[in-house]
């Protein structure tokens, strides 16, 4: 269970540009997103699907350092801690 919580936390820190050592591991900044990452899923070794708090969904290629916005995502109402 700890690993399931730790992995998204480490990815959030890396994506938010706050790379630092964590229990002997070195984090590496892999990309920068314009917004607040709300959920991150690895599709394969080089591709992430990143849901932002504002409702945008990004397909991120970590090798080419490119991002593309996924179309057809429903609008969200983001307020406070909800999203």
PDB file of N, CA and C in Angstrom:
ATOM      1  N   UNK A   1       0.822  -1.198   0.000  1.00  0.00           N
ATOM      2  CA  UNK A   1       0.000   0.000   0.000  1.00  0.00           C
ATOM      3  C   UNK A   1       0.866   1.261   0.000  1.00  0.00           C
ATOM      4  N   UNK A   2       1.969   1.231   0.734  1.00  0.00           N
ATOM      5  CA  UNK A   2       2.839   2.403   0.798  1.00  0.00           C
ATOM      6  C   UNK A   2       3.361   2.790  -0.581  1.00  0.00           C
ATOM      7  N   UNK A   3       3.722   1.793  -1.393  1.00  0.00           N
ATOM      8  CA  UNK A   3       4.256   2.081  -2.719  1.00  0.00           C
ATOM      9  C   UNK A   3       3.210   2.751  -3.599  1.00  0.00           C
ATOM     10  N   UNK A   4       1.954   2.352  -3.484  1.00  0.00           N
ATOM     11  CA  UNK A   4       0.897   2.950  -4.294  1.00  0.00           C
ATOM     12  C   UNK A   4       0.716   4.424  -3.972  1.00  0.00           C
ATOM     13  N   UNK A   5       0.923   4.806  -2.737  1.00  0.00           N
ATOM     14  CA  UNK A   5       0.805   6.210  -2.341  1.00  0.00           C
ATOM     15  C   UNK A   5       2.085   6.968  -2.676  1.00  0.00           C
ATOM     16  N   UNK A   6       3.224   6.341  -2.500  1.00  0.00           N
ATOM     17  CA  UNK A   6       4.503   6.996  -2.690  1.00  0.00           C
ATOM     18  C   UNK A   6       4.760   7.344  -4.151  1.00  0.00           C
ATOM     19  N   UNK A   7       4.409   6.465  -5.069  1.00  0.00           N
ATOM     20  CA  UNK A   7       4.681   6.706  -6.489  1.00  0.00           C
ATOM     21  C   UNK A   7       3.982   7.969  -6.993  1.00  0.00           C
ATOM     22  N   UNK A   8       2.660   8.149  -6.795  1.00  0.00           N
ATOM     23  CA  UNK A   8       2.045   9.405  -7.252  1.00  0.00           C
ATOM     24  C   UNK A   8       2.632  10.635  -6.563  1.00  0.00           C
ATOM     25  N   UNK A   9       2.994  10.510  -5.294  1.00  0.00           N
ATOM     26  CA  UNK A   9       3.579  11.634  -4.576  1.00  0.00           C
ATOM     27  C   UNK A   9       4.917  12.026  -5.207  1.00  0.00           C
ATOM     28  N   UNK A  10       5.761  11.051  -5.497  1.00  0.00           N
ATOM     29  CA  UNK A  10       7.049  11.342  -6.115  1.00  0.00           C
ATOM     30  C   UNK A  10       6.873  11.946  -7.501  1.00  0.00           C
ATOM     31  N   UNK A  11       5.925  11.444  -8.265  1.00  0.00           N
ATOM     32  CA  UNK A  11       5.674  12.000  -9.593  1.00  0.00           C
ATOM     33  C   UNK A  11       5.171  13.430  -9.498  1.00  0.00           C
ATOM     34  N   UNK A  12       4.294  13.710  -8.544  1.00  0.00           N
ATOM     35  CA  UNK A  12       3.782  15.069  -8.372  1.00  0.00           C
ATOM     36  C   UNK A  12       4.923  16.024  -8.036  1.00  0.00           C
ATOM     37  N   UNK A  13       5.801  15.613  -7.143  1.00  0.00           N
ATOM     38  CA  UNK A  13       6.929  16.469  -6.773  1.00  0.00           C
ATOM     39  C   UNK A  13       7.825  16.703  -7.984  1.00  0.00           C
ATOM     40  N   UNK A  14       8.098  15.652  -8.757  1.00  0.00           N
ATOM     41  CA  UNK A  14       8.949  15.795  -9.936  1.00  0.00           C
ATOM     42  C   UNK A  14       8.290  16.690 -10.981  1.00  0.00           C
ATOM     43  N   UNK A  15       6.987  16.536 -11.208  1.00  0.00           N
ATOM     44  CA  UNK A  15       6.294  17.343 -12.202  1.00  0.00           C
ATOM     45  C   UNK A  15       6.139  18.790 -11.758  1.00  0.00           C
ATOM     46  N   UNK A  16       6.072  19.029 -10.475  1.00  0.00           N
ATOM     47  CA  UNK A  16       5.895  20.399 -10.000  1.00  0.00           C
ATOM     48  C   UNK A  16       7.222  21.148  -9.885  1.00  0.00           C
ATOM     49  N   UNK A  17       8.311  20.504 -10.277  1.00  0.00           N
ATOM     50  CA  UNK A  17       9.601  21.195 -10.306  1.00  0.00           C
ATOM     51  C   UNK A  17      10.303  21.272  -8.970  1.00  0.00           C
ATOM     52  N   UNK A  18       9.880  20.500  -8.005  1.00  0.00           N
ATOM     53  CA  UNK A  18      10.485  20.544  -6.686  1.00  0.00           C
ATOM     54  C   UNK A  18      11.323  19.291  -6.440  1.00  0.00           C
ATOM     55  N   UNK A  19      12.176  18.935  -7.410  1.00  0.00           N
ATOM     56  CA  UNK A  19      12.985  17.729  -7.288  1.00  0.00           C
ATOM     57  C   UNK A  19      13.957  17.857  -6.121  1.00  0.00           C
ATOM     58  N   UNK A  20      14.024  16.822  -5.317  1.00  0.00           N
ATOM     59  CA  UNK A  20      14.941  16.786  -4.182  1.00  0.00           C
ATOM     60  C   UNK A  20      15.138  15.329  -3.766  1.00  0.00           C
ATOM     61  N   UNK A  21      16.076  15.083  -2.902  1.00  0.00           N
ATOM     62  CA  UNK A  21      16.298  13.716  -2.447  1.00  0.00           C
ATOM     63  C   UNK A  21      15.173  13.275  -1.526  1.00  0.00           C
ATOM     64  N   UNK A  22      14.779  12.007  -1.650  1.00  0.00           N
ATOM     65  CA  UNK A  22      13.716  11.450  -0.828  1.00  0.00           C
ATOM     66  C   UNK A  22      14.115  10.037  -0.448  1.00  0.00           C
ATOM     67  N   UNK A  23      14.471   9.834   0.807  1.00  0.00           N
ATOM     68  CA  UNK A  23      14.885   8.540   1.326  1.00  0.00           C
ATOM     69  C   UNK A  23      15.974   7.901   0.467  1.00  0.00           C
ATOM     70  N   UNK A  24      16.998   8.663   0.122  1.00  0.00           N
ATOM     71  CA  UNK A  24      18.125   8.127  -0.614  1.00  0.00           C
ATOM     72  C   UNK A  24      17.934   8.043  -2.112  1.00  0.00           C
ATOM     73  N   UNK A  25      16.781   8.432  -2.627  1.00  0.00           N
ATOM     74  CA  UNK A  25      16.535   8.416  -4.069  1.00  0.00           C
ATOM     75  C   UNK A  25      16.611   9.828  -4.616  1.00  0.00           C
ATOM     76  N   UNK A  26      17.127   9.958  -5.819  1.00  0.00           N
ATOM     77  CA  UNK A  26      17.203  11.262  -6.462  1.00  0.00           C
ATOM     78  C   UNK A  26      16.047  11.390  -7.443  1.00  0.00           C
ATOM     79  N   UNK A  27      15.276  12.447  -7.330  1.00  0.00           N
ATOM     80  CA  UNK A  27      14.186  12.718  -8.257  1.00  0.00           C
ATOM     81  C   UNK A  27      14.724  13.510  -9.439  1.00  0.00           C
ATOM     82  N   UNK A  28      14.155  13.258 -10.585  1.00  0.00           N
ATOM     83  CA  UNK A  28      14.553  13.952 -11.798  1.00  0.00           C
ATOM     84  C   UNK A  28      13.323  14.600 -12.414  1.00  0.00           C
ATOM     85  N   UNK A  29      13.426  15.874 -12.714  1.00  0.00           N
ATOM     86  CA  UNK A  29      12.327  16.587 -13.357  1.00  0.00           C
ATOM     87  C   UNK A  29      12.202  16.065 -14.789  1.00  0.00           C
ATOM     88  N   UNK A  30      11.033  15.544 -15.129  1.00  0.00           N
ATOM     89  CA  UNK A  30      10.847  14.952 -16.454  1.00  0.00           C
ATOM     90  C   UNK A  30      10.044  15.842 -17.392  1.00  0.00           C
ATOM     91  N   UNK A  31       9.255  16.737 -16.844  1.00  0.00           N
ATOM     92  CA  UNK A  31       8.489  17.666 -17.673  1.00  0.00           C
ATOM     93  C   UNK A  31       7.905  18.752 -16.784  1.00  0.00           C
ATOM     94  N   UNK A  32       7.356  19.759 -17.394  1.00  0.00           N
ATOM     95  CA  UNK A  32       6.665  20.829 -16.680  1.00  0.00           C
ATOM     96  C   UNK A  32       5.286  20.963 -17.290  1.00  0.00           C
ATOM     97  N   UNK A  33       4.276  21.051 -16.451  1.00  0.00           N
ATOM     98  CA  UNK A  33       2.921  21.248 -16.946  1.00  0.00           C
ATOM     99  C   UNK A  33       2.393  22.587 -16.461  1.00  0.00           C
ATOM    100  N   UNK A  34       1.526  23.180 -17.238  1.00  0.00           N
ATOM    101  CA  UNK A  34       0.922  24.460 -16.889  1.00  0.00           C
ATOM    102  C   UNK A  34      -0.396  24.188 -16.181  1.00  0.00           C
ATOM    103  N   UNK A  35      -0.344  24.044 -14.876  1.00  0.00           N
ATOM    104  CA  UNK A  35      -1.532  23.741 -14.088  1.00  0.00           C
ATOM    105  C   UNK A  35      -1.159  22.870 -12.900  1.00  0.00           C
ATOM    106  N   UNK A  36      -2.187  22.398 -12.203  1.00  0.00           N
ATOM    107  CA  UNK A  36      -1.993  21.564 -11.021  1.00  0.00           C
ATOM    108  C   UNK A  36      -2.276  20.112 -11.389  1.00  0.00           C
ATOM    109  N   UNK A  37      -1.239  19.252 -11.377  1.00  0.00           N
ATOM    110  CA  UNK A  37      -1.486  17.838 -11.669  1.00  0.00           C
ATOM    111  C   UNK A  37      -2.409  17.229 -10.615  1.00  0.00           C
ATOM    112  N   UNK A  38      -3.474  16.578 -11.056  1.00  0.00           N
ATOM    113  CA  UNK A  38      -4.451  16.015 -10.138  1.00  0.00           C
ATOM    114  C   UNK A  38      -4.363  14.500 -10.117  1.00  0.00           C
ATOM    115  N   UNK A  39      -3.928  13.935 -11.242  1.00  0.00           N
ATOM    116  CA  UNK A  39      -3.791  12.488 -11.352  1.00  0.00           C
ATOM    117  C   UNK A  39      -2.791  12.189 -12.463  1.00  0.00           C
ATOM    118  N   UNK A  40      -1.969  11.160 -12.247  1.00  0.00           N
ATOM    119  CA  UNK A  40      -0.949  10.799 -13.226  1.00  0.00           C
ATOM    120  C   UNK A  40      -0.979   9.284 -13.422  1.00  0.00           C
ATOM    121  N   UNK A  41      -0.957   8.861 -14.696  1.00  0.00           N
ATOM    122  CA  UNK A  41      -0.960   7.439 -15.020  1.00  0.00           C
ATOM    123  C   UNK A  41       0.136   7.177 -16.042  1.00  0.00           C
ATOM    124  N   UNK A  42       0.935   6.137 -15.816  1.00  0.00           N
ATOM    125  CA  UNK A  42       1.934   5.706 -16.801  1.00  0.00           C
ATOM    126  C   UNK A  42       1.231   4.843 -17.835  1.00  0.00           C
ATOM    127  N   UNK A  43       1.283   5.243 -19.107  1.00  0.00           N
ATOM    128  CA  UNK A  43       0.727   4.415 -20.167  1.00  0.00           C
ATOM    129  C   UNK A  43       1.780   3.424 -20.662  1.00  0.00           C
ATOM    130  N   UNK A  44       3.023   3.848 -20.693  1.00  0.00           N
ATOM    131  CA  UNK A  44       4.174   2.989 -20.978  1.00  0.00           C
ATOM    132  C   UNK A  44       5.401   3.665 -20.383  1.00  0.00           C
ATOM    133  N   UNK A  45       6.593   3.196 -20.720  1.00  0.00           N
ATOM    134  CA  UNK A  45       7.813   3.743 -20.118  1.00  0.00           C
ATOM    135  C   UNK A  45       8.040   5.217 -20.433  1.00  0.00           C
ATOM    136  N   UNK A  46       7.518   5.692 -21.573  1.00  0.00           N
ATOM    137  CA  UNK A  46       7.802   7.058 -22.012  1.00  0.00           C
ATOM    138  C   UNK A  46       6.590   7.971 -22.064  1.00  0.00           C
ATOM    139  N   UNK A  47       5.418   7.476 -21.719  1.00  0.00           N
ATOM    140  CA  UNK A  47       4.201   8.258 -21.893  1.00  0.00           C
ATOM    141  C   UNK A  47       3.394   8.321 -20.600  1.00  0.00           C
ATOM    142  N   UNK A  48       2.983   9.540 -20.249  1.00  0.00           N
ATOM    143  CA  UNK A  48       2.134   9.762 -19.082  1.00  0.00           C
ATOM    144  C   UNK A  48       0.811  10.366 -19.526  1.00  0.00           C
ATOM    145  N   UNK A  49      -0.231  10.035 -18.811  1.00  0.00           N
ATOM    146  CA  UNK A  49      -1.518  10.700 -18.965  1.00  0.00           C
ATOM    147  C   UNK A  49      -1.697  11.518 -17.691  1.00  0.00           C
ATOM    148  N   UNK A  50      -1.772  12.846 -17.842  1.00  0.00           N
ATOM    149  CA  UNK A  50      -1.822  13.737 -16.679  1.00  0.00           C
ATOM    150  C   UNK A  50      -3.146  14.490 -16.684  1.00  0.00           C
ATOM    151  N   UNK A  51      -3.947  14.275 -15.637  1.00  0.00           N
ATOM    152  CA  UNK A  51      -5.186  15.022 -15.458  1.00  0.00           C
ATOM    153  C   UNK A  51      -4.864  16.243 -14.602  1.00  0.00           C
ATOM    154  N   UNK A  52      -5.272  17.412 -15.071  1.00  0.00           N
ATOM    155  CA  UNK A  52      -5.048  18.646 -14.325  1.00  0.00           C
ATOM    156  C   UNK A  52      -6.309  19.008 -13.553  1.00  0.00           C
ATOM    157  N   UNK A  53      -6.136  19.748 -12.491  1.00  0.00           N
ATOM    158  CA  UNK A  53      -7.265  20.126 -11.640  1.00  0.00           C
ATOM    159  C   UNK A  53      -8.330  20.898 -12.404  1.00  0.00           C
ATOM    160  N   UNK A  54      -7.915  21.671 -13.413  1.00  0.00           N
ATOM    161  CA  UNK A  54      -8.878  22.478 -14.171  1.00  0.00           C
ATOM    162  C   UNK A  54      -9.680  21.662 -15.178  1.00  0.00           C
ATOM    163  N   UNK A  55      -9.402  20.339 -15.265  1.00  0.00           N
ATOM    164  CA  UNK A  55     -10.166  19.476 -16.152  1.00  0.00           C
ATOM    165  C   UNK A  55      -9.454  19.094 -17.427  1.00  0.00           C
ATOM    166  N   UNK A  56      -8.339  19.745 -17.736  1.00  0.00           N
ATOM    167  CA  UNK A  56      -7.585  19.380 -18.929  1.00  0.00           C
ATOM    168  C   UNK A  56      -6.913  18.022 -18.730  1.00  0.00           C
ATOM    169  N   UNK A  57      -6.783  17.287 -19.823  1.00  0.00           N
ATOM    170  CA  UNK A  57      -6.107  15.995 -19.811  1.00  0.00           C
ATOM    171  C   UNK A  57      -4.973  16.063 -20.814  1.00  0.00           C
ATOM    172  N   UNK A  58      -3.746  15.777 -20.354  1.00  0.00           N
ATOM    173  CA  UNK A  58      -2.565  15.893 -21.203  1.00  0.00           C
ATOM    174  C   UNK A  58      -1.938  14.533 -21.451  1.00  0.00           C
ATOM    175  N   UNK A  59      -1.485  14.317 -22.677  1.00  0.00           N
ATOM    176  CA  UNK A  59      -0.674  13.164 -23.032  1.00  0.00           C
ATOM    177  C   UNK A  59       0.761  13.672 -23.114  1.00  0.00           C
ATOM    178  N   UNK A  60       1.629  13.180 -22.235  1.00  0.00           N
ATOM    179  CA  UNK A  60       2.991  13.695 -22.110  1.00  0.00           C
ATOM    180  C   UNK A  60       3.982  12.626 -22.555  1.00  0.00           C
ATOM    181  N   UNK A  61       4.828  12.974 -23.525  1.00  0.00           N
ATOM    182  CA  UNK A  61       5.922  12.109 -23.955  1.00  0.00           C
ATOM    183  C   UNK A  61       7.171  12.575 -23.225  1.00  0.00           C
ATOM    184  N   UNK A  62       7.695  11.743 -22.324  1.00  0.00           N
ATOM    185  CA  UNK A  62       8.815  12.149 -21.485  1.00  0.00           C
ATOM    186  C   UNK A  62      10.152  12.087 -22.211  1.00  0.00           C
ATOM    187  N   UNK A  63      10.222  11.399 -23.342  1.00  0.00           N
ATOM    188  CA  UNK A  63      11.462  11.328 -24.113  1.00  0.00           C
ATOM    189  C   UNK A  63      11.584  12.554 -25.019  1.00  0.00           C
ATOM    190  N   UNK A  64      10.522  12.860 -25.751  1.00  0.00           N
ATOM    191  CA  UNK A  64      10.519  14.003 -26.664  1.00  0.00           C
ATOM    192  C   UNK A  64      10.211  15.313 -25.941  1.00  0.00           C
ATOM    193  N   UNK A  65       9.779  15.205 -24.670  1.00  0.00           N
ATOM    194  CA  UNK A  65       9.365  16.352 -23.868  1.00  0.00           C
ATOM    195  C   UNK A  65       8.278  17.156 -24.576  1.00  0.00           C
ATOM    196  N   UNK A  66       7.255  16.439 -25.038  1.00  0.00           N
ATOM    197  CA  UNK A  66       6.118  17.073 -25.696  1.00  0.00           C
ATOM    198  C   UNK A  66       4.838  16.758 -24.928  1.00  0.00           C
ATOM    199  N   UNK A  67       3.862  17.642 -25.100  1.00  0.00           N
ATOM    200  CA  UNK A  67       2.554  17.464 -24.471  1.00  0.00           C
ATOM    201  C   UNK A  67       1.493  17.744 -25.510  1.00  0.00           C
ATOM    202  N   UNK A  68       0.415  16.977 -25.453  1.00  0.00           N
ATOM    203  CA  UNK A  68      -0.723  17.281 -26.305  1.00  0.00           C
ATOM    204  C   UNK A  68      -1.991  17.165 -25.467  1.00  0.00           C
ATOM    205  N   UNK A  69      -2.885  18.103 -25.673  1.00  0.00           N
ATOM    206  CA  UNK A  69      -4.134  18.139 -24.931  1.00  0.00           C
ATOM    207  C   UNK A  69      -5.103  17.128 -25.542  1.00  0.00           C
ATOM    208  N   UNK A  70      -5.705  16.299 -24.705  1.00  0.00           N
ATOM    209  CA  UNK A  70      -6.661  15.304 -25.156  1.00  0.00           C
ATOM    210  C   UNK A  70      -8.019  15.992 -25.335  1.00  0.00           C
ATOM    211  N   UNK A  71      -8.614  15.815 -26.510  1.00  0.00           N
ATOM    212  CA  UNK A  71      -9.907  16.440 -26.827  1.00  0.00           C
ATOM    213  C   UNK A  71     -11.058  15.566 -26.326  1.00  0.00           C
ATOM    214  N   UNK A  72     -12.213  16.182 -26.173  1.00  0.00           N
ATOM    215  CA  UNK A  72     -13.422  15.454 -25.811  1.00  0.00           C
ATOM    216  C   UNK A  72     -13.590  15.166 -24.339  1.00  0.00           C
ATOM    217  N   UNK A  73     -12.808  15.841 -23.501  1.00  0.00           N
ATOM    218  CA  UNK A  73     -12.906  15.644 -22.058  1.00  0.00           C
ATOM    219  C   UNK A  73     -14.036  16.526 -21.521  1.00  0.00           C
ATOM    220  N   UNK A  74     -14.920  15.980 -20.676  1.00  0.00           N
ATOM    221  CA  UNK A  74     -16.015  16.799 -20.138  1.00  0.00           C
ATOM    222  C   UNK A  74     -15.499  17.969 -19.299  1.00  0.00           C
ATOM    223  N   UNK A  75     -16.262  19.047 -19.252  1.00  0.00           N
ATOM    224  CA  UNK A  75     -15.912  20.192 -18.409  1.00  0.00           C
ATOM    225  C   UNK A  75     -16.051  19.795 -16.943  1.00  0.00           C
ATOM    226  N   UNK A  76     -15.226  20.441 -16.099  1.00  0.00           N
ATOM    227  CA  UNK A  76     -15.299  20.184 -14.664  1.00  0.00           C
ATOM    228  C   UNK A  76     -15.544  21.501 -13.926  1.00  0.00           C
ATOM    229  N   UNK A  77     -16.081  21.389 -12.734  1.00  0.00           N
ATOM    230  CA  UNK A  77     -16.210  22.535 -11.845  1.00  0.00           C
ATOM    231  C   UNK A  77     -15.188  22.341 -10.744  1.00  0.00           C
ATOM    232  N   UNK A  78     -14.112  23.128 -10.770  1.00  0.00           N
ATOM    233  CA  UNK A  78     -13.041  23.010  -9.779  1.00  0.00           C
ATOM    234  C   UNK A  78     -13.185  24.138  -8.769  1.00  0.00           C
ATOM    235  N   UNK A  79     -13.331  23.767  -7.482  1.00  0.00           N
ATOM    236  CA  UNK A  79     -13.477  24.762  -6.437  1.00  0.00           C
ATOM    237  C   UNK A  79     -12.916  24.186  -5.141  1.00  0.00           C
ATOM    238  N   UNK A  80     -12.110  24.962  -4.450  1.00  0.00           N
ATOM    239  CA  UNK A  80     -11.524  24.478  -3.195  1.00  0.00           C
ATOM    240  C   UNK A  80     -10.673  23.253  -3.440  1.00  0.00           C
ATOM    241  N   UNK A  81     -10.878  22.217  -2.663  1.00  0.00           N
ATOM    242  CA  UNK A  81     -10.134  20.974  -2.814  1.00  0.00           C
ATOM    243  C   UNK A  81     -10.785  20.037  -3.823  1.00  0.00           C
ATOM    244  N   UNK A  82     -11.986  20.318  -4.240  1.00  0.00           N
ATOM    245  CA  UNK A  82     -12.674  19.447  -5.207  1.00  0.00           C
ATOM    246  C   UNK A  82     -12.224  19.743  -6.628  1.00  0.00           C
ATOM    247  N   UNK A  83     -12.437  18.794  -7.510  1.00  0.00           N
ATOM    248  CA  UNK A  83     -12.053  19.008  -8.895  1.00  0.00           C
ATOM    249  C   UNK A  83     -12.782  18.082  -9.808  1.00  0.00           C
TER     250      UNK A  83
END
